Amino acid sequence: SHMPIFITQPYIYIANNYDNFNCLVEQLGRHSFGLKGLFPLWALTGLKFLFPSLVNFPLYVTKEELTTVTLFYDAYYDFGVFGMIFFGTLLGAACYGLVRFRKKLTCPAGHIIYAQIAMYMVLSFFTTWFSNPTTWFYLILSGLVYFYVDA
């Protein structure tokens, strides 16, 4: 009861994320083979309204009010352990390329993209950033600003 909130709150999220991922592993009947991870595409194009079955997936969580899930939740949902390894490798390669790209940057707008992705990675344990349409909207918008300013 005397523990500071900046210690207890992250612990609650971390413990809940492990519980939610465990719930997914135990209860998932079949993998979605990429449909769950492509939610940003379905949302940004409006296809989710034309074909609701594209986004009609149950959320496997232990408590309805604590629906935080890790970055690898959707990767496992789509392709299981193979998906998690592939997604982790892809993110690692993208981050490696981004760091190398950042060293050559002369345009300040490029540092914004780097900062966005760095924050997504820092906070990746608390949500599935790359399955969020808002994430992709702002990354695309930042990319357009970069190309406009750099050109």
N, C-alpha and C. Protein backbone atom coordinates (compact mmCIF):
# COMPACT_ATOMS: atom_id res chain seq x y z
N SER A 1 0.81 -1.20 0.00
CA SER A 1 0.00 0.00 0.00
C SER A 1 0.85 1.27 0.00
N HIS A 2 2.13 1.16 0.38
CA HIS A 2 3.02 2.33 0.41
C HIS A 2 3.92 2.41 -0.81
N MET A 3 3.71 1.52 -1.76
CA MET A 3 4.53 1.50 -2.97
C MET A 3 4.13 2.66 -3.88
N PRO A 4 5.10 3.39 -4.44
CA PRO A 4 4.77 4.52 -5.35
C PRO A 4 4.08 4.01 -6.62
N ILE A 5 3.19 4.84 -7.15
CA ILE A 5 2.41 4.46 -8.32
C ILE A 5 3.28 4.25 -9.55
N PHE A 6 4.41 4.97 -9.67
CA PHE A 6 5.26 4.79 -10.85
C PHE A 6 5.96 3.44 -10.85
N ILE A 7 5.88 2.71 -9.76
CA ILE A 7 6.39 1.33 -9.72
C ILE A 7 5.24 0.34 -9.89
N THR A 8 4.13 0.58 -9.21
CA THR A 8 3.03 -0.37 -9.27
C THR A 8 2.31 -0.38 -10.61
N GLN A 9 2.14 0.78 -11.23
CA GLN A 9 1.39 0.84 -12.49
C GLN A 9 2.07 0.05 -13.61
N PRO A 10 3.38 0.24 -13.86
CA PRO A 10 4.02 -0.60 -14.89
C PRO A 10 3.96 -2.08 -14.55
N TYR A 11 4.09 -2.43 -13.27
CA TYR A 11 4.02 -3.83 -12.87
C TYR A 11 2.65 -4.41 -13.22
N ILE A 12 1.58 -3.64 -12.96
CA ILE A 12 0.23 -4.11 -13.27
C ILE A 12 0.08 -4.35 -14.77
N TYR A 13 0.58 -3.42 -15.58
CA TYR A 13 0.50 -3.58 -17.03
C TYR A 13 1.30 -4.79 -17.51
N ILE A 14 2.51 -4.93 -16.99
CA ILE A 14 3.36 -6.05 -17.41
C ILE A 14 2.73 -7.38 -17.03
N ALA A 15 2.27 -7.49 -15.79
CA ALA A 15 1.64 -8.74 -15.35
C ALA A 15 0.38 -9.02 -16.17
N ASN A 16 -0.40 -7.99 -16.43
CA ASN A 16 -1.62 -8.18 -17.21
C ASN A 16 -1.31 -8.57 -18.65
N ASN A 17 -0.25 -8.00 -19.25
CA ASN A 17 0.12 -8.36 -20.61
C ASN A 17 0.51 -9.83 -20.70
N TYR A 18 1.26 -10.32 -19.71
CA TYR A 18 1.60 -11.75 -19.70
C TYR A 18 0.34 -12.60 -19.56
N ASP A 19 -0.58 -12.17 -18.71
CA ASP A 19 -1.83 -12.92 -18.55
C ASP A 19 -2.64 -12.92 -19.84
N ASN A 20 -2.73 -11.77 -20.50
CA ASN A 20 -3.48 -11.69 -21.75
C ASN A 20 -2.85 -12.53 -22.84
N PHE A 21 -1.52 -12.51 -22.94
CA PHE A 21 -0.86 -13.32 -23.96
C PHE A 21 -1.05 -14.81 -23.66
N ASN A 22 -0.97 -15.17 -22.39
CA ASN A 22 -1.21 -16.56 -22.01
C ASN A 22 -2.63 -16.98 -22.35
N CYS A 23 -3.57 -16.08 -22.12
CA CYS A 23 -4.98 -16.35 -22.47
C CYS A 23 -5.11 -16.57 -23.98
N LEU A 24 -4.43 -15.77 -24.78
CA LEU A 24 -4.46 -15.93 -26.23
C LEU A 24 -3.91 -17.29 -26.64
N VAL A 25 -2.76 -17.66 -26.09
CA VAL A 25 -2.12 -18.93 -26.46
C VAL A 25 -3.02 -20.11 -26.09
N GLU A 26 -3.65 -20.03 -24.94
CA GLU A 26 -4.48 -21.14 -24.48
C GLU A 26 -5.81 -21.25 -25.24
N GLN A 27 -6.39 -20.12 -25.63
CA GLN A 27 -7.75 -20.14 -26.16
C GLN A 27 -7.85 -20.00 -27.68
N LEU A 28 -6.79 -19.60 -28.35
CA LEU A 28 -6.86 -19.38 -29.80
C LEU A 28 -7.11 -20.70 -30.51
N GLY A 29 -8.21 -20.77 -31.23
CA GLY A 29 -8.56 -21.98 -31.95
C GLY A 29 -7.77 -22.15 -33.24
N ARG A 30 -7.63 -21.06 -33.99
CA ARG A 30 -6.85 -21.10 -35.23
C ARG A 30 -6.26 -19.72 -35.48
N HIS A 31 -5.18 -19.69 -36.22
CA HIS A 31 -4.51 -18.43 -36.53
C HIS A 31 -5.25 -17.72 -37.68
N SER A 32 -5.08 -16.41 -37.75
CA SER A 32 -5.80 -15.63 -38.76
C SER A 32 -5.01 -15.44 -40.05
N PHE A 33 -3.76 -15.92 -40.09
CA PHE A 33 -2.92 -15.88 -41.29
C PHE A 33 -2.83 -14.50 -41.92
N GLY A 34 -2.57 -13.51 -41.09
CA GLY A 34 -2.28 -12.16 -41.57
C GLY A 34 -3.44 -11.19 -41.53
N LEU A 35 -4.66 -11.66 -41.41
CA LEU A 35 -5.81 -10.76 -41.43
C LEU A 35 -5.84 -9.83 -40.22
N LYS A 36 -5.47 -10.32 -39.06
CA LYS A 36 -5.50 -9.49 -37.85
C LYS A 36 -4.44 -8.40 -37.90
N GLY A 37 -3.24 -8.74 -38.34
CA GLY A 37 -2.15 -7.76 -38.43
C GLY A 37 -2.35 -6.72 -39.51
N LEU A 38 -3.21 -7.02 -40.48
CA LEU A 38 -3.49 -6.07 -41.56
C LEU A 38 -4.66 -5.15 -41.24
N PHE A 39 -5.06 -5.11 -39.98
CA PHE A 39 -6.17 -4.24 -39.59
C PHE A 39 -5.98 -2.79 -40.04
N PRO A 40 -4.77 -2.21 -39.96
CA PRO A 40 -4.63 -0.83 -40.45
C PRO A 40 -5.04 -0.66 -41.92
N LEU A 41 -4.73 -1.65 -42.73
CA LEU A 41 -5.12 -1.58 -44.14
C LEU A 41 -6.64 -1.61 -44.27
N TRP A 42 -7.28 -2.49 -43.52
CA TRP A 42 -8.74 -2.59 -43.59
C TRP A 42 -9.39 -1.31 -43.07
N ALA A 43 -8.80 -0.70 -42.05
CA ALA A 43 -9.39 0.52 -41.47
C ALA A 43 -9.14 1.74 -42.34
N LEU A 44 -7.91 1.91 -42.82
CA LEU A 44 -7.58 3.11 -43.60
C LEU A 44 -8.22 3.12 -44.98
N THR A 45 -8.50 1.96 -45.54
CA THR A 45 -9.14 1.90 -46.85
C THR A 45 -10.66 1.84 -46.76
N GLY A 46 -11.18 1.62 -45.56
CA GLY A 46 -12.63 1.52 -45.38
C GLY A 46 -13.18 0.14 -45.67
N LEU A 47 -12.32 -0.82 -45.98
CA LEU A 47 -12.79 -2.18 -46.28
C LEU A 47 -13.45 -2.84 -45.08
N LYS A 48 -13.13 -2.37 -43.88
CA LYS A 48 -13.75 -2.97 -42.69
C LYS A 48 -15.25 -2.73 -42.65
N PHE A 49 -15.71 -1.67 -43.33
CA PHE A 49 -17.15 -1.40 -43.38
C PHE A 49 -17.83 -2.23 -44.47
N LEU A 50 -17.12 -2.50 -45.56
CA LEU A 50 -17.68 -3.30 -46.64
C LEU A 50 -17.66 -4.79 -46.32
N PHE A 51 -16.59 -5.23 -45.63
CA PHE A 51 -16.42 -6.64 -45.28
C PHE A 51 -16.13 -6.75 -43.79
N PRO A 52 -17.13 -6.70 -42.93
CA PRO A 52 -16.91 -6.75 -41.48
C PRO A 52 -16.19 -8.01 -41.01
N SER A 53 -16.25 -9.07 -41.79
CA SER A 53 -15.58 -10.31 -41.39
C SER A 53 -14.06 -10.15 -41.36
N LEU A 54 -13.53 -9.13 -42.06
CA LEU A 54 -12.08 -8.90 -42.06
C LEU A 54 -11.56 -8.48 -40.68
N VAL A 55 -12.43 -7.90 -39.87
CA VAL A 55 -11.99 -7.39 -38.58
C VAL A 55 -12.75 -8.02 -37.41
N ASN A 56 -13.51 -9.04 -37.68
CA ASN A 56 -14.33 -9.67 -36.65
C ASN A 56 -13.54 -10.78 -35.96
N PHE A 57 -12.63 -10.40 -35.07
CA PHE A 57 -11.82 -11.36 -34.34
C PHE A 57 -12.06 -11.18 -32.85
N PRO A 58 -12.20 -12.26 -32.12
CA PRO A 58 -12.36 -12.13 -30.66
C PRO A 58 -11.05 -11.66 -30.03
N LEU A 59 -11.15 -10.89 -28.97
CA LEU A 59 -9.99 -10.41 -28.22
C LEU A 59 -9.84 -11.31 -27.00
N TYR A 60 -8.75 -12.04 -26.95
CA TYR A 60 -8.51 -12.96 -25.85
C TYR A 60 -7.77 -12.22 -24.74
N VAL A 61 -8.52 -11.80 -23.73
CA VAL A 61 -7.94 -11.12 -22.57
C VAL A 61 -8.55 -11.70 -21.31
N THR A 62 -7.85 -11.53 -20.20
CA THR A 62 -8.32 -12.08 -18.93
C THR A 62 -9.34 -11.18 -18.26
N LYS A 63 -9.19 -9.86 -18.42
CA LYS A 63 -10.12 -8.90 -17.82
C LYS A 63 -10.54 -7.92 -18.90
N GLU A 64 -11.82 -7.72 -19.07
CA GLU A 64 -12.34 -6.83 -20.11
C GLU A 64 -11.86 -5.39 -19.94
N GLU A 65 -11.66 -4.95 -18.71
CA GLU A 65 -11.25 -3.56 -18.48
C GLU A 65 -9.75 -3.35 -18.66
N LEU A 66 -8.97 -4.41 -18.73
CA LEU A 66 -7.52 -4.30 -18.94
C LEU A 66 -7.16 -5.01 -20.23
N THR A 67 -7.36 -4.35 -21.34
CA THR A 67 -7.18 -5.00 -22.65
C THR A 67 -5.83 -4.68 -23.27
N THR A 68 -4.85 -4.30 -22.48
CA THR A 68 -3.54 -4.04 -23.06
C THR A 68 -2.91 -5.36 -23.50
N VAL A 69 -2.25 -5.32 -24.63
CA VAL A 69 -1.58 -6.50 -25.17
C VAL A 69 -0.22 -6.08 -25.71
N THR A 70 0.69 -7.02 -25.80
CA THR A 70 2.05 -6.72 -26.23
C THR A 70 2.14 -6.55 -27.73
N LEU A 71 3.30 -6.11 -28.17
CA LEU A 71 3.58 -5.92 -29.59
C LEU A 71 3.44 -7.23 -30.37
N PHE A 72 3.72 -8.35 -29.73
CA PHE A 72 3.71 -9.64 -30.41
C PHE A 72 2.36 -10.35 -30.38
N TYR A 73 1.37 -9.73 -29.76
CA TYR A 73 0.05 -10.34 -29.65
C TYR A 73 -0.53 -10.64 -31.03
N ASP A 74 -0.55 -9.65 -31.91
CA ASP A 74 -1.11 -9.87 -33.25
C ASP A 74 -0.24 -10.78 -34.10
N ALA A 75 1.07 -10.74 -33.90
CA ALA A 75 1.95 -11.63 -34.66
C ALA A 75 1.65 -13.09 -34.31
N TYR A 76 1.42 -13.35 -33.02
CA TYR A 76 1.06 -14.71 -32.62
C TYR A 76 -0.34 -15.05 -33.13
N TYR A 77 -1.24 -14.10 -33.04
CA TYR A 77 -2.61 -14.30 -33.51
C TYR A 77 -2.62 -14.70 -34.98
N ASP A 78 -1.74 -14.07 -35.78
CA ASP A 78 -1.70 -14.34 -37.21
C ASP A 78 -1.00 -15.65 -37.55
N PHE A 79 0.22 -15.85 -37.03
CA PHE A 79 1.03 -16.97 -37.49
C PHE A 79 1.70 -17.80 -36.40
N GLY A 80 1.35 -17.59 -35.14
CA GLY A 80 1.93 -18.37 -34.06
C GLY A 80 3.37 -17.97 -33.77
N VAL A 81 4.14 -18.93 -33.29
CA VAL A 81 5.53 -18.66 -32.91
C VAL A 81 6.34 -18.21 -34.12
N PHE A 82 6.10 -18.81 -35.28
CA PHE A 82 6.79 -18.40 -36.50
C PHE A 82 6.54 -16.92 -36.78
N GLY A 83 5.31 -16.48 -36.62
CA GLY A 83 4.97 -15.07 -36.84
C GLY A 83 5.70 -14.15 -35.89
N MET A 84 5.83 -14.57 -34.63
CA MET A 84 6.54 -13.75 -33.66
C MET A 84 8.02 -13.62 -34.01
N ILE A 85 8.62 -14.72 -34.43
CA ILE A 85 10.04 -14.69 -34.81
C ILE A 85 10.22 -13.84 -36.07
N PHE A 86 9.35 -14.03 -37.05
CA PHE A 86 9.43 -13.26 -38.29
C PHE A 86 9.22 -11.77 -38.02
N PHE A 87 8.19 -11.43 -37.24
CA PHE A 87 7.89 -10.03 -36.94
C PHE A 87 9.03 -9.39 -36.14
N GLY A 88 9.58 -10.11 -35.18
CA GLY A 88 10.72 -9.60 -34.42
C GLY A 88 11.93 -9.36 -35.29
N THR A 89 12.19 -10.28 -36.21
CA THR A 89 13.31 -10.13 -37.14
C THR A 89 13.07 -8.95 -38.07
N LEU A 90 11.86 -8.81 -38.57
CA LEU A 90 11.51 -7.70 -39.44
C LEU A 90 11.67 -6.36 -38.72
N LEU A 91 11.17 -6.27 -37.49
CA LEU A 91 11.32 -5.03 -36.72
C LEU A 91 12.78 -4.73 -36.42
N GLY A 92 13.54 -5.75 -36.07
CA GLY A 92 14.97 -5.56 -35.81
C GLY A 92 15.70 -5.05 -37.04
N ALA A 93 15.41 -5.63 -38.20
CA ALA A 93 16.04 -5.18 -39.45
C ALA A 93 15.61 -3.76 -39.79
N ALA A 94 14.33 -3.45 -39.58
CA ALA A 94 13.85 -2.10 -39.86
C ALA A 94 14.52 -1.08 -38.93
N CYS A 95 14.66 -1.43 -37.67
CA CYS A 95 15.32 -0.51 -36.72
C CYS A 95 16.80 -0.35 -37.07
N TYR A 96 17.46 -1.42 -37.46
CA TYR A 96 18.86 -1.34 -37.88
C TYR A 96 19.00 -0.40 -39.07
N GLY A 97 18.12 -0.59 -40.07
CA GLY A 97 18.15 0.27 -41.25
C GLY A 97 17.83 1.72 -40.91
N LEU A 98 16.90 1.91 -39.98
CA LEU A 98 16.53 3.27 -39.57
C LEU A 98 17.69 3.97 -38.87
N VAL A 99 18.42 3.26 -38.03
CA VAL A 99 19.57 3.86 -37.35
C VAL A 99 20.64 4.23 -38.36
N ARG A 100 20.91 3.36 -39.31
CA ARG A 100 21.90 3.67 -40.35
C ARG A 100 21.43 4.85 -41.21
N PHE A 101 20.14 4.89 -41.52
CA PHE A 101 19.57 5.98 -42.31
C PHE A 101 19.66 7.30 -41.53
N ARG A 102 19.44 7.25 -40.24
CA ARG A 102 19.45 8.45 -39.42
C ARG A 102 20.83 9.10 -39.39
N LYS A 103 21.87 8.30 -39.43
CA LYS A 103 23.24 8.84 -39.40
C LYS A 103 23.54 9.69 -40.62
N LYS A 104 22.84 9.44 -41.72
CA LYS A 104 23.07 10.17 -42.97
C LYS A 104 22.09 11.32 -43.16
N LEU A 105 21.14 11.49 -42.23
CA LEU A 105 20.10 12.49 -42.39
C LEU A 105 20.63 13.92 -42.32
N THR A 106 20.12 14.73 -43.21
CA THR A 106 20.38 16.16 -43.14
C THR A 106 19.08 16.93 -42.97
N CYS A 107 17.97 16.26 -43.16
CA CYS A 107 16.64 16.87 -43.06
C CYS A 107 16.07 16.64 -41.66
N PRO A 108 15.68 17.69 -40.96
CA PRO A 108 15.12 17.52 -39.61
C PRO A 108 13.84 16.68 -39.58
N ALA A 109 13.06 16.68 -40.65
CA ALA A 109 11.82 15.90 -40.67
C ALA A 109 12.11 14.40 -40.58
N GLY A 110 13.25 13.96 -41.03
CA GLY A 110 13.62 12.55 -40.92
C GLY A 110 13.82 12.12 -39.48
N HIS A 111 14.28 13.04 -38.64
CA HIS A 111 14.46 12.73 -37.22
C HIS A 111 13.11 12.54 -36.53
N ILE A 112 12.07 13.15 -37.06
CA ILE A 112 10.73 12.96 -36.50
C ILE A 112 10.29 11.51 -36.70
N ILE A 113 10.53 10.98 -37.88
CA ILE A 113 10.18 9.58 -38.15
C ILE A 113 10.97 8.66 -37.23
N TYR A 114 12.25 8.95 -37.08
CA TYR A 114 13.08 8.15 -36.18
C TYR A 114 12.54 8.21 -34.75
N ALA A 115 12.18 9.41 -34.30
CA ALA A 115 11.65 9.56 -32.94
C ALA A 115 10.32 8.83 -32.77
N GLN A 116 9.47 8.88 -33.79
CA GLN A 116 8.19 8.16 -33.71
C GLN A 116 8.42 6.67 -33.52
N ILE A 117 9.23 6.10 -34.38
CA ILE A 117 9.46 4.65 -34.31
C ILE A 117 10.18 4.28 -33.02
N ALA A 118 11.11 5.13 -32.57
CA ALA A 118 11.80 4.87 -31.30
C ALA A 118 10.80 4.83 -30.14
N MET A 119 9.86 5.76 -30.12
CA MET A 119 8.86 5.76 -29.04
C MET A 119 7.93 4.55 -29.16
N TYR A 120 7.58 4.16 -30.37
CA TYR A 120 6.75 2.97 -30.53
C TYR A 120 7.48 1.74 -29.97
N MET A 121 8.76 1.67 -30.22
CA MET A 121 9.53 0.52 -29.73
C MET A 121 9.70 0.58 -28.21
N VAL A 122 9.93 1.77 -27.66
CA VAL A 122 10.08 1.90 -26.21
C VAL A 122 8.79 1.47 -25.50
N LEU A 123 7.66 1.84 -26.06
CA LEU A 123 6.38 1.54 -25.43
C LEU A 123 5.71 0.31 -26.02
N SER A 124 6.46 -0.52 -26.73
CA SER A 124 5.87 -1.65 -27.45
C SER A 124 5.31 -2.72 -26.54
N PHE A 125 5.72 -2.76 -25.30
CA PHE A 125 5.19 -3.79 -24.42
C PHE A 125 3.77 -3.48 -23.99
N PHE A 126 3.34 -2.25 -24.20
CA PHE A 126 2.05 -1.84 -23.69
C PHE A 126 0.94 -1.82 -24.73
N THR A 127 1.27 -1.98 -26.00
CA THR A 127 0.22 -2.02 -27.02
C THR A 127 0.79 -2.54 -28.34
N THR A 128 -0.11 -2.89 -29.25
CA THR A 128 0.28 -3.37 -30.57
C THR A 128 0.32 -2.18 -31.52
N TRP A 129 1.39 -1.39 -31.46
CA TRP A 129 1.50 -0.15 -32.23
C TRP A 129 1.31 -0.36 -33.72
N PHE A 130 1.92 -1.37 -34.26
CA PHE A 130 1.94 -1.51 -35.71
C PHE A 130 0.66 -2.13 -36.26
N SER A 131 -0.26 -2.49 -35.40
CA SER A 131 -1.59 -2.92 -35.83
C SER A 131 -2.61 -1.82 -35.60
N ASN A 132 -2.13 -0.63 -35.32
CA ASN A 132 -2.99 0.51 -35.04
C ASN A 132 -3.00 1.44 -36.26
N PRO A 133 -4.17 1.69 -36.86
CA PRO A 133 -4.22 2.56 -38.04
C PRO A 133 -3.69 3.97 -37.79
N THR A 134 -3.87 4.48 -36.59
CA THR A 134 -3.38 5.82 -36.27
C THR A 134 -1.86 5.89 -36.38
N THR A 135 -1.19 4.84 -35.95
CA THR A 135 0.27 4.77 -36.06
C THR A 135 0.69 4.92 -37.52
N TRP A 136 0.07 4.14 -38.38
CA TRP A 136 0.44 4.17 -39.79
C TRP A 136 0.05 5.49 -40.45
N PHE A 137 -1.07 6.08 -40.03
CA PHE A 137 -1.47 7.37 -40.56
C PHE A 137 -0.40 8.42 -40.27
N TYR A 138 0.05 8.48 -39.03
CA TYR A 138 1.07 9.48 -38.68
C TYR A 138 2.44 9.17 -39.27
N LEU A 139 2.77 7.88 -39.41
CA LEU A 139 4.04 7.54 -40.08
C LEU A 139 4.00 7.95 -41.55
N ILE A 140 2.88 7.70 -42.21
CA ILE A 140 2.74 8.10 -43.62
C ILE A 140 2.76 9.62 -43.73
N LEU A 141 2.05 10.29 -42.86
CA LEU A 141 2.04 11.75 -42.86
C LEU A 141 3.44 12.32 -42.62
N SER A 142 4.17 11.75 -41.68
CA SER A 142 5.55 12.19 -41.41
C SER A 142 6.45 11.91 -42.61
N GLY A 143 6.23 10.78 -43.27
CA GLY A 143 7.00 10.47 -44.48
C GLY A 143 6.74 11.45 -45.59
N LEU A 144 5.48 11.84 -45.76
CA LEU A 144 5.14 12.84 -46.78
C LEU A 144 5.80 14.19 -46.46
N VAL A 145 5.77 14.57 -45.18
CA VAL A 145 6.44 15.82 -44.77
C VAL A 145 7.93 15.73 -45.04
N TYR A 146 8.53 14.57 -44.74
CA TYR A 146 9.96 14.38 -44.99
C TYR A 146 10.29 14.55 -46.46
N PHE A 147 9.53 13.90 -47.33
CA PHE A 147 9.81 14.00 -48.76
C PHE A 147 9.54 15.39 -49.31
N TYR A 148 8.55 16.07 -48.74
CA TYR A 148 8.27 17.46 -49.16
C TYR A 148 9.39 18.41 -48.75
N VAL A 149 9.85 18.26 -47.52
CA VAL A 149 10.89 19.16 -46.98
C VAL A 149 12.25 18.83 -47.60
N ASP A 150 12.52 17.56 -47.79
CA ASP A 150 13.83 17.14 -48.30
C ASP A 150 13.98 17.39 -49.80
N ALA A 151 12.89 17.46 -50.53
CA ALA A 151 12.97 17.61 -51.98
C ALA A 151 13.41 18.99 -52.42
